[in-house]
Protein backbone atom coordinates (compact mmCIF):
# COMPACT_ATOMS: atom_id res chain seq x y z
CA MET A 1 -11.45 -12.22 4.36
CA GLY A 2 -12.11 -15.92 4.95
CA THR A 3 -11.81 -16.74 1.24
CA ILE A 4 -8.72 -14.60 0.86
CA PHE A 5 -6.94 -16.03 3.88
CA GLY A 6 -8.11 -19.48 2.75
CA LYS A 7 -6.18 -18.91 -0.49
CA PHE A 8 -3.14 -17.12 0.93
CA GLY A 9 -3.17 -18.07 4.62
CA SER A 10 -0.70 -20.94 4.36
CA ASN A 11 1.83 -18.82 2.45
CA LYS A 12 5.05 -17.87 4.21
CA TYR A 13 6.52 -14.54 3.27
CA SER A 14 10.25 -14.16 3.74
CA ASN A 15 10.32 -10.42 2.99
CA GLU A 16 8.34 -7.45 1.70
CA ALA A 17 8.95 -8.35 -1.94
CA ALA A 18 7.41 -11.79 -1.34
CA VAL A 19 4.33 -10.15 0.22
CA ASN A 20 4.05 -7.88 -2.83
CA GLN A 21 4.37 -10.60 -5.46
CA ASN A 22 2.63 -13.49 -3.72
CA PHE A 23 -0.15 -11.66 -1.86
CA ILE A 24 -0.75 -8.05 -2.95
CA VAL A 25 -0.65 -8.45 -6.73
CA PRO A 26 -2.78 -11.65 -6.83
CA LEU A 27 -5.23 -10.14 -4.32
CA LEU A 28 -5.70 -7.00 -6.40
CA THR A 29 -5.93 -8.81 -9.74
CA ASP A 30 -7.55 -12.19 -9.03
CA PHE A 31 -9.88 -11.22 -6.18
CA LEU A 32 -10.60 -7.54 -6.74
CA GLY A 33 -10.40 -7.41 -10.54
CA TYR A 34 -7.82 -4.67 -11.04
CA SER A 35 -5.59 -4.93 -14.07
CA LEU A 36 -1.81 -4.82 -13.77
CA ALA A 37 -1.90 -1.49 -15.61
CA GLU A 38 -3.97 -0.03 -12.74
CA ILE A 39 -1.50 -1.19 -10.06
CA ILE A 40 1.34 1.31 -10.27
CA PRO A 41 4.54 0.24 -8.47
CA GLU A 42 6.53 2.86 -6.58
CA LYS A 43 9.18 3.23 -9.27
CA ASN A 44 6.54 4.03 -11.93
CA PHE A 45 4.19 6.27 -9.97
CA THR A 46 4.05 9.93 -10.92
CA ILE A 47 6.32 12.17 -8.88
CA PHE A 48 4.40 13.96 -6.14
CA ASP A 49 5.20 16.59 -3.54
CA VAL A 50 5.21 15.75 0.16
CA PRO A 51 4.55 18.87 2.24
CA CYS A 52 6.99 19.36 5.12
CA ASN A 53 5.26 22.52 6.31
CA ARG A 54 3.34 25.34 4.67
CA TYR A 55 6.47 26.67 2.96
CA LYS A 56 8.46 23.62 2.00
CA LYS A 57 7.76 20.51 -0.05
CA VAL A 58 9.96 17.56 -0.93
CA ARG A 59 9.56 15.82 -4.28
CA SER A 60 8.89 12.10 -3.97
CA ASP A 61 11.75 11.26 -6.34
CA GLU A 62 14.11 12.93 -3.83
CA LEU A 63 12.93 10.68 -1.01
CA PRO A 64 14.66 7.42 -0.16
CA LYS A 65 13.04 4.37 -1.77
CA ASN A 66 11.52 3.25 1.53
CA GLN A 67 9.56 6.51 1.78
CA ARG A 68 7.44 5.96 -1.32
CA PRO A 69 4.30 3.78 -1.45
CA ASP A 70 4.77 0.23 -2.71
CA PHE A 71 1.77 0.52 -5.02
CA VAL A 72 -0.79 3.15 -5.94
CA VAL A 73 -3.97 1.84 -7.54
CA CYS A 74 -5.10 4.25 -10.24
CA LEU A 75 -8.12 4.13 -12.50
CA GLU A 76 -7.91 5.44 -16.05
CA SER A 77 -4.54 7.16 -15.52
CA PRO A 78 -1.77 7.68 -12.96
CA GLN A 79 -3.27 11.13 -12.38
CA ASN A 80 -6.37 9.44 -10.92
CA PRO A 81 -5.09 7.56 -7.84
CA LYS A 82 -7.70 5.79 -5.70
CA PHE A 83 -5.74 4.13 -2.91
CA VAL A 84 -2.24 3.33 -1.68
CA VAL A 85 -1.03 -0.16 -0.90
CA GLU A 86 1.81 -0.50 1.58
CA SER A 87 3.28 -3.88 2.41
CA LYS A 88 5.76 -4.98 5.00
CA ALA A 89 7.61 -8.19 5.80
CA SER A 90 5.56 -10.71 7.78
CA ASN A 91 7.45 -10.03 11.01
CA GLU A 92 6.84 -6.25 10.91
CA ASP A 93 4.24 -4.47 13.05
CA LEU A 94 1.83 -2.57 10.81
CA VAL A 95 0.86 -0.08 13.52
CA LYS A 96 4.45 1.15 13.80
CA HIS A 97 4.39 2.01 10.09
CA LYS A 98 1.16 4.03 10.16
CA PRO A 99 2.96 7.43 10.12
CA GLN A 100 4.73 6.37 6.93
CA SER A 101 1.38 5.53 5.33
CA LEU A 102 -0.09 8.86 6.41
CA ALA A 103 2.70 10.64 4.53
CA TYR A 104 1.48 8.82 1.41
CA VAL A 105 -2.05 10.09 2.03
CA ILE A 106 -0.74 13.63 2.05
CA GLY A 107 1.56 13.17 -0.93
CA THR A 108 -0.77 11.27 -3.24
CA GLY A 109 -3.97 13.05 -2.23
CA VAL A 110 -5.88 9.83 -1.58
CA ASN A 111 -7.46 8.89 1.72
CA PHE A 112 -7.56 5.10 1.54
CA ILE A 113 -4.55 3.03 2.55
CA VAL A 114 -4.24 -0.74 2.41
CA SER A 115 -1.53 -2.01 4.73
CA THR A 116 -0.48 -5.64 5.02
CA ASN A 117 2.36 -7.89 6.08
CA GLY A 118 0.77 -11.01 4.63
CA THR A 119 -0.64 -12.10 7.99
CA GLU A 120 -2.53 -8.91 8.84
CA PHE A 121 -4.59 -6.81 6.48
CA ARG A 122 -5.73 -3.30 7.36
CA ILE A 123 -7.64 -0.62 5.51
CA TYR A 124 -7.43 2.94 6.75
CA TYR A 125 -9.35 6.01 5.75
CA ALA A 126 -6.53 8.47 6.53
CA ASN A 127 -6.20 8.13 10.32
CA ASP A 128 -9.20 5.84 10.84
CA LEU A 129 -8.94 2.07 10.77
CA VAL A 130 -12.02 0.91 8.85
CA PHE A 131 -11.21 -2.80 8.36
CA GLU A 132 -8.84 -5.31 9.93
CA ALA A 133 -8.29 -9.01 9.43
CA LYS A 134 -5.63 -11.28 10.91
CA LYS A 135 -4.53 -14.77 10.02
CA HIS A 136 -5.01 -17.11 12.96
């Protein structure tokens, strides 16, 4: 993460949209090599069902905007999601938003979640934190 925070560490993010455009998208494209076509924003991602219990599901297009993942990285097609990217404003605590991210795991069927507020970067495998980096 040293190289990444070296590039983005001095950035100030006023809101979640700034984190998305000035950190997430350049990180995924410039550093990790994904194309823009593979980074599906929430408004373009395929509708999915979020189970409420064993009998009831809610369609993702019926959920409020803030209950859908910011980005889903898909390879080859939107039907092949690999991981969810959830960003928050720089003053937001990522740990408090973990339940929201877990709903995306269930709904999209992927286990990897990237969560960031521009100063912290976390990767979860469902419930398990597998990587964490913080800007000093």
